[in-house]
Protein backbone atom coordinates (compact mmCIF):
# COMPACT_ATOMS: atom_id res chain seq x y z
CA UNK A 1 40.40 28.61 -17.11
CA UNK A 2 40.30 24.83 -17.63
CA UNK A 3 36.72 24.75 -16.37
CA UNK A 4 35.70 27.44 -18.86
CA UNK A 5 37.36 25.57 -21.76
CA UNK A 6 35.67 22.34 -20.69
CA UNK A 7 32.29 24.06 -20.49
CA UNK A 8 32.71 25.58 -23.97
CA UNK A 9 33.74 22.18 -25.37
CA UNK A 10 30.72 20.47 -23.81
CA UNK A 11 28.38 23.12 -25.26
CA UNK A 12 29.95 22.83 -28.71
CA UNK A 13 29.48 19.07 -28.67
CA UNK A 14 26.03 19.08 -27.03
CA UNK A 15 24.20 21.68 -29.15
CA UNK A 16 24.48 19.93 -32.53
CA UNK A 17 23.55 16.61 -30.91
CA UNK A 18 20.52 18.07 -29.13
CA UNK A 19 19.17 19.56 -32.36
CA UNK A 20 19.72 16.21 -34.07
CA UNK A 21 17.73 14.44 -31.37
CA UNK A 22 14.90 16.98 -31.60
CA UNK A 23 14.74 16.49 -35.39
CA UNK A 24 14.14 12.78 -34.90
CA UNK A 25 10.68 13.60 -33.48
CA UNK A 26 9.49 14.53 -36.97
CA UNK A 27 6.93 12.13 -38.42
CA UNK A 28 5.73 11.77 -41.99
CA UNK A 29 1.92 11.85 -42.06
CA UNK A 30 -0.52 10.25 -44.47
CA UNK A 31 -3.91 11.85 -45.11
CA UNK A 32 -6.80 9.84 -43.62
CA UNK A 33 -8.56 9.67 -46.97
CA UNK A 34 -5.52 9.08 -49.21
CA UNK A 35 -6.40 6.68 -52.02
CA UNK A 36 -3.25 7.15 -54.07
CA UNK A 37 0.32 8.17 -53.48
CA UNK A 38 2.94 9.68 -55.73
CA UNK A 39 6.60 8.73 -55.43
CA UNK A 40 9.06 11.52 -56.09
CA UNK A 41 12.79 10.81 -56.22
CA UNK A 42 14.72 13.70 -54.68
CA UNK A 43 18.52 13.54 -54.84
CA UNK A 44 18.32 9.74 -55.08
CA UNK A 45 15.84 9.24 -52.20
CA UNK A 46 12.20 8.15 -52.63
CA UNK A 47 9.67 10.46 -50.98
CA UNK A 48 5.93 9.85 -50.78
CA UNK A 49 3.58 12.67 -51.71
CA UNK A 50 -0.21 12.67 -51.90
CA UNK A 51 -2.30 14.40 -54.57
CA UNK A 52 -4.40 17.39 -53.55
CA UNK A 53 -7.87 17.29 -55.07
CA UNK A 54 -10.14 20.10 -56.20
CA UNK A 55 -13.40 18.71 -54.81
CA UNK A 56 -12.34 16.31 -52.03
CA UNK A 57 -10.06 17.77 -49.32
CA UNK A 58 -7.14 15.76 -47.95
CA UNK A 59 -7.60 15.32 -44.20
CA UNK A 60 -4.69 15.30 -41.76
CA UNK A 61 -5.21 14.60 -38.04
CA UNK A 62 -2.53 15.38 -35.46
CA UNK A 63 -2.21 15.87 -31.72
CA UNK A 64 -0.45 19.11 -30.81
CA UNK A 65 1.39 21.08 -29.82
CA UNK A 66 3.63 20.97 -32.84
CA UNK A 67 4.56 22.25 -36.27
CA UNK A 68 3.02 20.82 -39.43
CA UNK A 69 5.24 21.37 -42.46
CA UNK A 70 3.44 21.01 -45.78
CA UNK A 71 5.67 20.61 -48.84
CA UNK A 72 3.90 21.05 -52.18
CA UNK A 73 5.02 20.49 -55.76
CA UNK A 74 3.15 21.22 -58.97
CA UNK A 75 3.23 18.76 -61.89
CA UNK A 76 4.70 19.86 -65.24
CA UNK A 77 3.20 17.57 -67.89
CA UNK A 78 4.57 19.11 -71.07
CA UNK A 79 7.74 20.76 -72.25
CA UNK A 80 5.76 23.80 -73.34
CA UNK A 81 5.12 25.12 -69.82
CA UNK A 82 8.26 26.73 -68.44
CA UNK A 83 6.60 28.10 -65.30
CA UNK A 84 3.32 27.36 -63.53
CA UNK A 85 1.19 29.11 -60.93
CA UNK A 86 -0.93 27.23 -58.43
CA UNK A 87 -2.89 27.76 -55.27
CA UNK A 88 -4.26 25.59 -52.55
CA UNK A 89 -6.44 26.11 -49.52
CA UNK A 90 -6.34 24.82 -45.98
CA UNK A 91 -8.62 24.94 -42.97
CA UNK A 92 -7.67 24.10 -39.37
CA UNK A 93 -10.37 22.61 -37.13
CA UNK A 94 -13.20 23.82 -39.36
CA UNK A 95 -12.27 27.49 -39.06
CA UNK A 96 -11.86 29.98 -41.91
CA UNK A 97 -10.43 28.99 -45.27
CA UNK A 98 -6.83 30.13 -45.89
CA UNK A 99 -5.39 30.54 -49.39
CA UNK A 100 -1.76 29.91 -50.35
CA UNK A 101 -0.57 30.89 -53.83
CA UNK A 102 2.74 30.16 -55.51
CA UNK A 103 3.61 32.01 -58.71
CA UNK A 104 6.14 31.26 -61.47
CA UNK A 105 7.13 27.83 -60.19
CA UNK A 106 10.07 26.25 -62.01
CA UNK A 107 10.79 22.62 -62.79
CA UNK A 108 13.03 20.90 -60.29
CA UNK A 109 16.49 19.86 -61.44
CA UNK A 110 17.01 17.51 -58.48
CA UNK A 111 13.60 15.78 -58.31
CA UNK A 112 11.67 13.49 -60.65
CA UNK A 113 8.51 11.43 -60.50
CA UNK A 114 9.30 7.74 -60.08
CA UNK A 115 6.65 7.20 -62.77
CA UNK A 116 8.20 9.27 -65.58
CA UNK A 117 4.88 9.44 -67.45
CA UNK A 118 3.67 11.95 -64.83
CA UNK A 119 6.09 14.57 -66.16
CA UNK A 120 8.41 16.61 -63.95
CA UNK A 121 7.74 18.01 -60.46
CA UNK A 122 8.41 21.62 -59.58
CA UNK A 123 10.73 22.88 -56.91
CA UNK A 124 9.15 22.15 -53.52
CA UNK A 125 7.44 25.01 -51.69
CA UNK A 126 6.77 24.84 -47.95
CA UNK A 127 4.39 26.31 -45.44
CA UNK A 128 4.50 25.63 -41.71
CA UNK A 129 1.44 25.64 -39.46
CA UNK A 130 1.90 26.10 -35.70
CA UNK A 131 -0.64 23.94 -33.90
CA UNK A 132 -1.54 24.32 -30.24
CA UNK A 133 -2.27 21.70 -27.61
CA UNK A 134 -4.92 19.09 -28.44
CA UNK A 135 -6.35 17.21 -31.42
CA UNK A 136 -6.39 19.04 -34.76
CA UNK A 137 -7.92 18.31 -38.15
CA UNK A 138 -6.42 20.05 -41.17
CA UNK A 139 -8.20 20.00 -44.55
CA UNK A 140 -6.30 20.82 -47.77
CA UNK A 141 -7.50 21.16 -51.36
CA UNK A 142 -6.49 22.83 -54.62
CA UNK A 143 -7.96 25.91 -56.23
CA UNK A 144 -8.45 24.23 -59.63
CA UNK A 145 -8.40 20.82 -61.31
CA UNK A 146 -5.21 21.73 -63.17
CA UNK A 147 -2.33 21.96 -62.70
CA UNK A 148 -2.03 18.94 -60.43
CA UNK A 149 -0.45 19.47 -57.02
CA UNK A 150 1.12 16.89 -54.69
CA UNK A 151 1.79 17.40 -50.98
CA UNK A 152 3.95 15.83 -48.27
CA UNK A 153 3.22 16.32 -44.57
CA UNK A 154 5.81 16.40 -41.77
CA UNK A 155 4.81 16.89 -38.13
CA UNK A 156 7.26 17.82 -35.39
CA UNK A 157 6.06 17.83 -31.79
CA UNK A 158 6.99 20.86 -29.72
CA UNK A 159 6.85 21.53 -26.01
CA UNK A 160 3.77 23.17 -24.62
CA UNK A 161 4.35 26.84 -23.91
CA UNK A 162 4.02 27.73 -20.27
CA UNK A 163 1.63 30.50 -19.34
CA UNK A 164 2.83 33.02 -16.79
CA UNK A 165 0.07 33.58 -14.27
CA UNK A 166 -0.16 36.99 -12.65
């Protein structure tokens, strides 16, 4: 009985720690062609975002396997707009274009642009791309010149999945 209690205690202590250690493998990525950055203060912490352009895709390069989390926020520039819609596109390794659309985005109550003249950012919306083994190039761009969209990129390495041979 003591052995069972000890085993349960070890598992209870180990599992939260192991997930904490795995989370530390997450890296913030900067697009290769980023000319400008946008600072957004979220709950008192500065976070760097990069603008998505209409005509010039942002380019992210990573070595998989892993998960690429893309956090986007739209820019509210006036008090008139209460909600905004936006879309952006991405392409992995030159393959087909994928469209992501977010509708009725609200202003964030916990985030602000460090440069207040930019207005107010929306609530962040995420997508996650699962990337396989090897080098990958991801291109991202917006569907229109306005409204402006900013993105943040987080990459977490994952273990390569084993293939069962028959």
